[in-house]
Protein backbone atom coordinates (compact mmCIF):
# COMPACT_ATOMS: atom_id res chain seq x y z
CA MET A 1 -9.91 33.24 35.01
CA PHE A 2 -11.24 29.64 35.19
CA ALA A 3 -11.98 29.71 31.45
CA LEU A 4 -8.39 30.74 30.75
CA ILE A 5 -6.99 27.98 32.98
CA GLY A 6 -9.41 25.46 31.43
CA ALA A 7 -8.30 26.45 27.92
CA ALA A 8 -4.64 26.14 28.91
CA LEU A 9 -5.23 22.68 30.41
CA LEU A 10 -7.17 21.58 27.34
CA ALA A 11 -4.34 22.77 25.08
CA ALA A 12 -1.85 20.81 27.18
CA VAL A 13 -3.96 17.63 27.02
CA ILE A 14 -4.90 17.87 23.32
CA PRO A 15 -1.86 18.84 21.26
CA ALA A 16 -2.45 21.08 18.28
CA GLN A 17 -2.53 19.34 14.89
CA ALA A 18 0.78 19.96 13.22
CA LYS A 19 0.44 21.67 9.85
CA VAL A 20 1.23 19.20 7.13
CA SER A 21 2.04 20.35 3.62
CA ASP A 22 -0.42 20.04 0.77
CA GLN A 23 2.27 17.98 -0.98
CA THR A 24 2.20 15.29 1.72
CA LEU A 25 -1.59 15.16 1.52
CA ASN A 26 -1.39 14.97 -2.29
CA ASN A 27 1.20 12.19 -2.00
CA LEU A 28 -1.01 10.25 0.40
CA ASN A 29 -3.94 10.65 -1.98
CA ALA A 30 -1.78 9.44 -4.88
CA ALA A 31 -0.74 6.44 -2.78
CA TYR A 32 -4.39 5.81 -1.82
CA GLU A 33 -5.38 5.82 -5.49
CA GLY A 34 -2.41 3.65 -6.49
CA GLU A 35 -3.09 1.05 -3.83
CA SER A 36 -6.80 0.99 -4.72
CA ASN A 37 -5.92 0.34 -8.35
CA ALA A 38 -3.33 -2.30 -7.43
CA ALA A 39 -5.86 -4.21 -5.30
CA HIS A 40 -8.35 -4.09 -8.17
CA ARG A 41 -5.73 -5.12 -10.77
CA TYR A 42 -4.39 -8.02 -8.71
CA GLU A 43 -7.88 -9.48 -8.29
CA ALA A 44 -8.22 -9.53 -12.09
CA PHE A 45 -4.72 -11.03 -12.41
CA ALA A 46 -5.68 -13.72 -9.88
CA ARG A 47 -8.66 -14.77 -11.98
CA GLN A 48 -6.40 -15.09 -15.04
CA ALA A 49 -3.77 -17.09 -13.13
CA GLU A 50 -6.51 -19.44 -11.98
CA ALA A 51 -7.79 -19.82 -15.55
CA ASP A 52 -4.20 -20.53 -16.67
CA GLY A 53 -3.92 -23.30 -14.07
CA ASN A 54 -1.51 -21.41 -11.79
CA ALA A 55 -3.18 -21.86 -8.39
CA TYR A 56 -0.23 -20.60 -6.32
CA VAL A 57 0.15 -17.45 -8.45
CA ALA A 58 -3.60 -16.83 -8.14
CA ARG A 59 -3.29 -17.06 -4.34
CA LEU A 60 -0.25 -14.76 -4.44
CA PHE A 61 -2.16 -12.13 -6.42
CA ARG A 62 -5.08 -12.39 -3.98
CA ALA A 63 -2.77 -12.05 -0.97
CA ALA A 64 -1.13 -9.00 -2.54
CA SER A 65 -4.56 -7.56 -3.34
CA LYS A 66 -5.46 -7.89 0.34
CA ALA A 67 -2.19 -6.21 1.30
CA GLU A 68 -2.84 -3.34 -1.12
CA SER A 69 -6.30 -2.90 0.43
CA ILE A 70 -4.67 -2.65 3.86
CA HIS A 71 -2.27 0.01 2.52
CA ARG A 72 -5.18 1.88 0.92
CA ASP A 73 -7.12 1.93 4.18
CA SER A 74 -4.05 2.95 6.17
CA HIS A 75 -3.32 5.81 3.75
CA LYS A 76 -6.94 6.98 4.08
CA LYS A 77 -6.68 7.01 7.88
CA ALA A 78 -3.48 9.06 7.66
CA ILE A 79 -5.06 11.58 5.26
CA LEU A 80 -7.99 12.09 7.62
CA ALA A 81 -5.78 12.18 10.75
CA LEU A 82 -3.69 14.91 9.13
CA GLY A 83 -6.77 17.01 8.39
CA GLY A 84 -6.97 16.22 4.67
CA LYS A 85 -9.72 14.93 2.45
CA VAL A 86 -9.68 11.74 0.39
CA LYS A 87 -9.99 12.70 -3.27
CA ASP A 88 -12.47 10.98 -5.56
CA PHE A 89 -11.12 9.01 -8.51
CA GLN A 90 -12.11 6.29 -10.96
CA LEU A 91 -10.44 2.88 -10.86
CA ASP A 92 -8.28 2.24 -13.91
CA ASN A 93 -9.36 -0.22 -16.56
CA VAL A 94 -7.35 -3.39 -16.10
CA LYS A 95 -5.46 -4.85 -19.04
CA VAL A 96 -5.17 -8.56 -18.28
CA GLY A 97 -2.58 -10.62 -20.14
CA THR A 98 -1.17 -14.06 -19.58
CA THR A 99 -0.04 -14.99 -16.09
CA ALA A 100 3.58 -14.31 -17.10
CA GLU A 101 2.67 -10.89 -18.53
CA ASN A 102 0.65 -10.06 -15.42
CA LEU A 103 3.56 -11.01 -13.18
CA GLN A 104 5.88 -8.81 -15.25
CA ALA A 105 3.44 -5.89 -14.97
CA ALA A 106 3.12 -6.45 -11.21
CA ILE A 107 6.92 -6.54 -10.77
CA LYS A 108 7.22 -3.27 -12.71
CA GLY A 109 4.56 -1.58 -10.55
CA GLU A 110 5.93 -2.85 -7.24
CA THR A 111 9.49 -1.91 -8.19
CA TYR A 112 8.41 1.64 -9.08
CA GLU A 113 6.60 2.02 -5.75
CA ARG A 114 9.52 0.55 -3.79
CA ASP A 115 12.32 2.46 -5.53
CA THR A 116 10.76 5.75 -6.64
CA MET A 117 7.29 6.61 -5.41
CA TYR A 118 7.47 5.71 -1.74
CA PRO A 119 11.02 7.05 -1.16
CA ASP A 120 9.95 10.42 -2.62
CA PHE A 121 6.73 10.46 -0.59
CA LEU A 122 8.60 9.47 2.58
CA LYS A 123 11.14 12.27 2.12
CA GLN A 124 8.35 14.86 2.03
CA ALA A 125 6.43 13.31 4.95
CA LYS A 126 9.60 13.28 7.07
CA ALA A 127 10.28 16.93 6.20
CA ASP A 128 6.74 17.71 7.41
CA ASP A 129 7.26 15.60 10.54
CA ALA A 130 3.98 13.90 9.60
CA LYS A 131 4.36 10.74 11.67
CA GLU A 132 1.07 9.20 10.48
CA ALA A 133 2.16 9.63 6.87
CA VAL A 134 5.66 8.29 7.52
CA ARG A 135 4.27 5.19 9.22
CA THR A 136 1.79 4.24 6.50
CA LEU A 137 4.18 5.03 3.65
CA LEU A 138 7.00 3.04 5.23
CA TYR A 139 4.73 0.05 5.85
CA ALA A 140 3.66 0.09 2.21
CA GLN A 141 7.21 0.50 0.90
CA LYS A 142 8.45 -2.51 2.87
CA ALA A 143 5.53 -4.64 1.70
CA GLU A 144 5.99 -3.59 -1.94
CA ALA A 145 9.62 -4.71 -1.80
CA GLU A 146 8.48 -8.15 -0.67
CA HIS A 147 5.72 -8.26 -3.28
CA ALA A 148 8.27 -7.56 -6.02
CA ARG A 149 10.47 -10.37 -4.68
CA LEU A 150 7.56 -12.83 -4.44
CA TYR A 151 6.36 -11.94 -7.95
CA GLN A 152 9.85 -12.36 -9.40
CA ASP A 153 10.18 -15.75 -7.73
CA ALA A 154 6.74 -16.75 -9.08
CA LEU A 155 7.73 -15.66 -12.59
CA ASP A 156 11.10 -17.44 -12.41
CA ASN A 157 9.35 -20.65 -11.37
CA LEU A 158 6.15 -20.30 -13.39
CA GLY A 159 4.61 -23.69 -14.06
CA LYS A 160 6.61 -25.31 -11.29
CA ASN A 161 5.76 -23.01 -8.37
CA ALA A 162 5.91 -24.58 -4.94
CA ASP A 163 2.55 -24.31 -3.17
CA LEU A 164 3.84 -22.12 -0.35
CA PRO A 165 1.61 -20.69 2.35
CA LEU A 166 0.98 -16.92 2.14
CA TYR A 167 0.43 -14.66 5.14
CA VAL A 168 -0.64 -11.01 5.13
CA CYS A 169 -0.22 -8.79 8.19
CA LYS A 170 -3.55 -7.14 8.99
CA VAL A 171 -1.79 -4.03 10.30
CA CYS A 172 0.89 -3.22 7.73
CA GLY A 173 0.06 -5.44 4.76
CA TYR A 174 3.44 -7.18 4.74
CA THR A 175 3.11 -10.43 2.77
CA THR A 176 5.32 -13.43 3.41
CA THR A 177 5.55 -17.18 2.99
CA LYS A 178 7.02 -17.70 6.48
CA LEU A 179 5.68 -16.58 9.82
CA PRO A 180 8.25 -14.87 12.04
């Protein structure tokens, strides 16, 4: 009798893990891999921007790399919290071009994540009621939108970029030039 009551109390205190679809876990793993590659790529782009004499753009790439690392780590936590496993993968080889070419490549990647990848992943996570997944995917989507804007501004003003401060939120990875 006491064992039955104890089990019922334990079940009331520790809610059962909601079943999340394999698709949401696969999406989180794809996002984890994508953010890992973006962080790696942006570090290489930062070195090229520095070599090209574009100090602000180098700092922007490094700030975005930090943000992508925050997204990566947040996605990993969500995968594990939802009972999944983080899949192994190899980082992509980075093709480094000029600073302008690297900014164009970064804009293309951020725009894809903002407009296509994260909205699709969020739709599935919401259907699964996977709150951990929704949170991390939404944080990343919002930050990617700002990265695309910052990169476009840097490209539009290349060679005459203002030396703006850059701030990265340690929780969500949002990157901005102005503190709230």
